[in-house]
N, C-alpha and C. Protein backbone atom coordinates (compact mmCIF):
# COMPACT_ATOMS: atom_id res chain seq x y z
N MET A 1 15.81 123.16 -0.92
CA MET A 1 16.18 123.59 0.34
C MET A 1 17.62 122.86 0.74
N GLU A 2 17.55 121.70 0.29
CA GLU A 2 18.89 120.91 0.78
C GLU A 2 20.01 121.47 -0.16
N GLN A 3 19.76 121.82 -1.43
CA GLN A 3 20.81 122.36 -2.34
C GLN A 3 21.32 123.88 -1.77
N ARG A 4 20.49 124.49 -1.21
CA ARG A 4 20.75 125.76 -0.60
C ARG A 4 21.56 125.55 0.80
N PHE A 5 21.24 124.56 1.46
CA PHE A 5 22.08 124.16 2.71
C PHE A 5 23.41 123.86 2.35
N LEU A 6 23.60 122.98 1.35
CA LEU A 6 24.79 122.51 0.75
C LEU A 6 25.78 123.51 0.34
N ARG A 7 25.01 124.46 -0.40
CA ARG A 7 25.82 125.68 -0.83
C ARG A 7 26.39 126.50 0.36
N TYR A 8 25.44 126.73 1.25
CA TYR A 8 26.01 127.50 2.48
C TYR A 8 27.16 126.87 3.19
N VAL A 9 26.95 125.45 3.30
CA VAL A 9 27.98 124.71 4.03
C VAL A 9 29.35 124.74 3.25
N ARG A 10 29.21 124.51 2.01
CA ARG A 10 30.37 124.71 0.98
C ARG A 10 31.09 126.08 1.08
N THR A 11 30.24 127.26 1.18
CA THR A 11 30.75 128.52 1.24
C THR A 11 31.32 128.61 2.56
N TYR A 12 30.77 128.13 3.61
CA TYR A 12 31.51 128.34 4.92
C TYR A 12 32.52 127.53 5.02
N LEU A 13 32.68 126.31 4.58
CA LEU A 13 33.89 125.55 4.43
C LEU A 13 35.06 126.29 3.77
N LEU A 14 34.74 126.90 2.49
CA LEU A 14 35.75 127.68 2.02
C LEU A 14 36.28 128.75 2.62
N ALA A 15 35.32 129.51 3.30
CA ALA A 15 35.72 130.67 4.21
C ALA A 15 36.72 130.12 5.25
N LEU A 16 36.37 129.20 5.93
CA LEU A 16 37.23 128.54 6.94
C LEU A 16 38.68 128.16 6.38
N ARG A 17 38.62 127.58 5.04
CA ARG A 17 39.84 127.16 4.48
C ARG A 17 40.75 128.48 4.20
N GLN A 18 40.07 129.58 3.66
CA GLN A 18 40.72 130.65 3.38
C GLN A 18 41.29 131.32 4.72
N ARG A 19 40.56 131.22 5.73
CA ARG A 19 41.08 131.87 6.94
C ARG A 19 42.20 131.06 7.58
N TRP A 20 42.13 129.72 7.44
CA TRP A 20 43.26 128.88 7.90
C TRP A 20 44.48 129.06 7.01
N LEU A 21 44.34 129.22 5.74
CA LEU A 21 45.48 129.50 4.77
C LEU A 21 46.15 130.80 5.17
N TYR A 22 45.31 131.66 5.58
CA TYR A 22 45.72 133.11 5.86
C TYR A 22 46.58 133.11 7.28
N GLU A 23 46.05 132.49 8.19
CA GLU A 23 46.67 132.40 9.50
C GLU A 23 47.91 131.48 9.43
N ASN A 24 47.99 130.43 8.58
CA ASN A 24 49.10 129.47 8.37
C ASN A 24 50.13 130.41 7.73
N GLN A 25 49.80 131.12 6.89
CA GLN A 25 50.72 132.01 6.10
C GLN A 25 51.41 132.99 7.09
N ILE A 26 50.72 133.50 8.00
CA ILE A 26 51.23 134.43 9.05
C ILE A 26 52.20 133.69 10.00
N VAL A 27 51.75 132.41 10.29
CA VAL A 27 52.64 131.66 11.28
C VAL A 27 53.94 131.30 10.57
N ASP A 28 53.71 130.83 9.35
CA ASP A 28 55.06 130.57 8.54
C ASP A 28 55.99 131.64 8.44
N PHE A 29 55.36 132.98 8.21
CA PHE A 29 56.17 134.04 8.12
C PHE A 29 56.95 134.32 9.52
N LYS A 30 56.26 134.31 10.51
CA LYS A 30 56.85 134.54 11.86
C LYS A 30 58.00 133.39 12.08
N LEU A 31 57.62 132.36 11.74
CA LEU A 31 58.66 131.19 11.89
C LEU A 31 59.94 131.40 11.07
N TYR A 32 59.73 131.83 9.90
CA TYR A 32 60.85 132.33 9.11
C TYR A 32 61.70 133.40 9.63
N ARG A 33 60.86 134.54 10.17
CA ARG A 33 61.56 135.56 10.73
C ARG A 33 62.45 135.20 12.10
N LEU A 34 61.82 134.06 12.77
CA LEU A 34 62.60 133.56 14.04
C LEU A 34 63.84 132.84 13.58
N GLN A 35 63.72 132.03 12.54
CA GLN A 35 64.71 131.39 12.05
C GLN A 35 65.80 132.20 11.61
N GLU A 36 65.64 133.26 10.75
CA GLU A 36 66.47 134.21 10.39
C GLU A 36 67.13 134.95 11.52
N ASN A 37 66.43 135.45 12.59
CA ASN A 37 67.11 136.03 13.64
C ASN A 37 67.98 134.87 14.36
N ASN A 38 67.63 133.68 14.41
CA ASN A 38 68.39 132.67 15.13
C ASN A 38 69.71 132.39 14.39
N ASP A 39 69.66 132.39 13.06
CA ASP A 39 70.78 132.31 12.35
C ASP A 39 71.73 133.57 12.41
N SER A 40 71.12 134.75 12.43
CA SER A 40 71.89 135.91 12.64
C SER A 40 72.58 135.88 14.06
N PHE A 41 71.93 135.55 15.11
CA PHE A 41 72.47 135.55 16.40
C PHE A 41 73.57 134.48 16.39
N LYS A 42 73.43 133.51 15.79
CA LYS A 42 74.53 132.40 15.79
C LYS A 42 75.68 132.88 14.99
N THR A 43 75.52 133.52 13.95
CA THR A 43 76.67 134.07 13.35
C THR A 43 77.38 135.24 14.18
N LEU A 44 76.58 136.19 14.77
CA LEU A 44 77.15 137.14 15.70
C LEU A 44 78.06 136.41 16.84
N LEU A 45 77.34 135.45 17.27
CA LEU A 45 78.00 134.70 18.47
C LEU A 45 79.42 133.97 17.95
N ARG A 46 79.43 133.46 16.77
CA ARG A 46 80.68 132.97 16.32
C ARG A 46 81.69 134.06 16.10
N TRP A 47 81.22 135.26 15.50
CA TRP A 47 82.17 136.36 15.18
C TRP A 47 82.72 136.80 16.50
N TYR A 48 81.74 137.15 17.49
CA TYR A 48 82.21 137.61 18.80
C TYR A 48 83.19 136.69 19.42
N SER A 49 82.98 135.29 19.41
CA SER A 49 83.86 134.37 20.06
C SER A 49 85.08 134.47 19.37
N PHE A 50 85.28 134.54 18.10
CA PHE A 50 86.52 134.65 17.38
C PHE A 50 87.12 136.05 17.86
N GLU A 51 86.59 137.04 17.87
CA GLU A 51 87.22 138.30 18.21
C GLU A 51 87.66 138.14 19.75
N LYS A 52 86.93 137.62 20.62
CA LYS A 52 87.30 137.34 21.99
C LYS A 52 88.59 136.45 22.02
N SER A 53 88.56 135.60 21.18
CA SER A 53 89.96 134.57 21.14
C SER A 53 91.29 135.44 20.70
N LYS A 54 91.06 136.34 19.66
CA LYS A 54 91.92 137.15 19.24
C LYS A 54 92.40 138.20 20.31
N LEU A 55 91.50 138.83 21.20
CA LEU A 55 91.83 139.62 22.21
C LEU A 55 92.65 139.01 23.38
N ILE A 56 92.14 137.80 23.63
CA ILE A 56 92.71 137.12 24.67
C ILE A 56 94.25 136.74 24.44
N ALA A 57 94.51 136.58 23.13
CA ALA A 57 95.91 136.23 22.69
C ALA A 57 96.90 137.54 22.69
N VAL A 58 96.30 138.70 22.69
CA VAL A 58 97.12 139.96 22.58
C VAL A 58 97.59 140.24 24.23
N ASP A 59 98.87 140.46 24.18
CA ASP A 59 99.46 140.80 25.54
C ASP A 59 99.76 142.24 25.38
N VAL A 60 98.98 143.04 26.13
CA VAL A 60 99.11 144.50 26.19
C VAL A 60 100.48 144.98 26.65
N LEU A 61 101.05 144.33 27.61
CA LEU A 61 102.32 144.87 28.24
C LEU A 61 103.35 144.66 27.19
N ASN A 62 103.34 143.69 26.44
CA ASN A 62 104.46 143.54 25.25
C ASN A 62 104.32 144.66 24.32
N ASP A 63 103.06 145.01 23.89
CA ASP A 63 102.93 146.13 23.00
C ASP A 63 103.20 147.35 23.60
N CYS A 64 102.95 147.84 24.93
CA CYS A 64 103.35 149.03 25.56
C CYS A 64 104.77 149.20 25.91
N PHE A 65 105.43 148.09 26.24
CA PHE A 65 106.58 148.22 26.90
C PHE A 65 107.62 147.16 26.04
N ASN A 66 108.84 147.82 25.47
CA ASN A 66 109.68 146.99 24.91
C ASN A 66 110.75 146.35 25.97
N ILE A 67 110.45 145.09 26.43
CA ILE A 67 111.17 144.47 27.43
C ILE A 67 112.26 143.48 26.80
N TRP A 68 113.41 143.86 27.07
CA TRP A 68 114.69 143.32 26.30
C TRP A 68 115.84 143.00 27.23
N GLN A 69 116.86 142.38 26.63
CA GLN A 69 118.10 142.15 27.40
C GLN A 69 119.21 142.76 26.68
N ASN A 70 119.97 143.63 27.43
CA ASN A 70 121.06 144.39 26.81
C ASN A 70 122.30 143.99 27.60
N GLY A 71 122.95 142.86 27.13
CA GLY A 71 124.06 142.42 27.90
C GLY A 71 123.66 141.82 29.18
N GLN A 72 124.27 142.18 30.31
CA GLN A 72 123.83 141.78 31.53
C GLN A 72 122.60 142.28 32.18
N PHE A 73 122.15 143.26 31.53
CA PHE A 73 121.00 144.06 32.06
C PHE A 73 119.60 143.93 31.36
N ALA A 74 118.69 143.88 31.95
CA ALA A 74 117.22 143.93 31.39
C ALA A 74 117.00 145.30 31.19
N THR A 75 116.31 145.67 29.95
CA THR A 75 115.89 147.03 29.62
C THR A 75 114.31 146.99 29.37
N ILE A 76 113.74 148.13 29.83
CA ILE A 76 112.40 148.37 29.43
C ILE A 76 112.29 149.66 28.62
N ASN A 77 112.03 149.67 27.45
CA ASN A 77 112.02 150.94 26.46
C ASN A 77 113.52 151.46 26.33
N GLY A 78 114.51 150.64 26.39
CA GLY A 78 115.90 151.02 26.28
C GLY A 78 116.43 151.61 27.61
N PHE A 79 115.70 151.60 28.72
CA PHE A 79 116.40 151.97 30.03
C PHE A 79 116.74 150.77 30.76
N ARG A 80 117.81 150.78 31.41
CA ARG A 80 118.34 149.66 32.02
C ARG A 80 117.60 149.46 33.29
N VAL A 81 117.36 148.34 33.80
CA VAL A 81 116.67 147.83 35.00
C VAL A 81 117.58 147.14 35.86
N GLY A 82 117.67 147.75 37.07
CA GLY A 82 118.66 147.05 38.15
C GLY A 82 120.02 147.55 37.94
N ARG A 83 120.90 146.80 38.71
CA ARG A 83 122.27 147.06 38.54
C ARG A 83 123.08 145.58 38.82
N HIS A 84 124.25 145.83 38.20
CA HIS A 84 125.14 144.49 38.37
C HIS A 84 126.17 144.68 39.69
N PRO A 85 126.35 143.74 40.36
CA PRO A 85 127.31 143.91 41.48
C PRO A 85 128.60 144.39 41.14
N SER A 86 129.20 144.16 39.84
CA SER A 86 130.50 144.78 39.54
C SER A 86 130.47 146.07 39.13
N SER A 87 129.39 146.68 38.83
CA SER A 87 129.33 148.04 38.36
C SER A 87 129.56 149.02 39.41
N GLN A 88 130.11 150.16 39.03
CA GLN A 88 130.38 151.22 40.11
C GLN A 88 129.21 152.04 40.40
N VAL A 89 129.18 152.42 41.68
CA VAL A 89 128.07 153.27 42.14
C VAL A 89 128.47 154.70 41.72
N VAL A 90 127.62 155.45 41.14
CA VAL A 90 127.84 156.78 40.75
C VAL A 90 127.45 157.64 41.90
N LYS A 91 128.61 158.53 42.32
CA LYS A 91 128.35 159.50 43.51
C LYS A 91 127.39 160.63 43.02
N LYS A 92 126.75 161.11 44.04
CA LYS A 92 125.73 162.16 43.64
C LYS A 92 126.41 163.38 43.04
N ASN A 93 127.65 163.73 43.60
CA ASN A 93 128.23 164.96 43.15
C ASN A 93 128.86 164.84 42.00
N SER A 94 129.31 163.62 41.44
CA SER A 94 129.95 163.37 40.30
C SER A 94 129.10 163.00 39.06
N SER A 95 127.80 163.28 39.16
CA SER A 95 127.02 162.96 37.95
C SER A 95 127.07 163.93 37.03
N ASN A 96 126.70 163.61 35.80
CA ASN A 96 126.74 164.52 34.58
C ASN A 96 125.46 165.38 34.58
N ARG A 97 125.57 166.54 35.31
CA ARG A 97 124.45 167.39 35.40
C ARG A 97 124.69 168.82 35.42
N ASN A 98 124.07 169.70 34.76
CA ASN A 98 124.41 171.19 34.79
C ASN A 98 124.35 171.81 36.13
N GLN A 99 125.32 172.32 36.49
CA GLN A 99 125.34 173.09 37.80
C GLN A 99 125.12 174.48 37.62
């Protein structure tokens, strides 16, 4: 009878061990997946931070408008901006237009 009880206890302990191993394997797999996700998010964060720093360095106005100096005048896309005090004012009637 004692042998039978010992076999029962041994079988029970083996079943508990198997269940513990199974659940431990599930927890280990979940931990592995969480670590992989964490590494992935860290990589994405580094990449997005790098892209953000590149975008901050871009000056959109310089790409859209060619701002330059041509003699005494500033130009935007080749058009003069402002006027110089020594330049003559063009009268409305003497402009180069088709009449």
